[in-house]
Amino acid sequence: MEETTPEPEIPVLEEPKLPKRQLKKWAQWTIVSLLWLAVLSPFIVVYTMLNISDDGTLPGFEELENPQSNLASRVYSSDGVEIGKYFKQNRTNAKYHELSHWLVEALVATEDSRYYEHSGVDARALGRAIYGQLVGDDDGGASTISQQLAKNLFNTAYKGNTVAKSKMERPW
């Protein structure tokens, strides 16, 4: 019989373990850092968004309170009789008290049923819209009448500079 020599044992190198004290400090530091990040990140995001958006393209308060409107130009004869109109959009200004109560109620009912319950952002509709986007269910949007007005005023005043354009203007 042949004599077999035992193979030499290869030493297994073990990774050095961190002492419990050092591991505990590392865990505490990580938890504190994550908490600070969770607390500060909304403020950092809002601050960044405000600084990025304040590039002079947003309308001022004066322009928002007194928006320009595409009213029709009327042409009158020398005796004061209207003989025609020129317009891109045939609009006529009306005072709020001239509108029918039912017109206002119909607008609120169809566009923003919780109009009187929020201050411009409908959190419940926003949550529903986000959930619908995540699961692929398109049950409706989350824009309120206030947001639609702001979008229309912004698009009218800054047609060429807007990021949000109407669906008809988008190529897709």
Foldseek 3Di string as FASTA:
>chain_A
DDDDDDDDDDDDDDDDDDPPVVVVVVVVVVVVVVVVCVVCVVVVVVVVVVVVPPPPLADDPVCLVPPDDFEWDWDADPVGHTDDTDTPDHDDDDDPVPDDPVVVVVCCVVAPVCQVPDDFFDPVQCVVCVVCVVVVNPPDHGGHPNNVSSVVRSCVVCVPPDPDDDPVPDPD
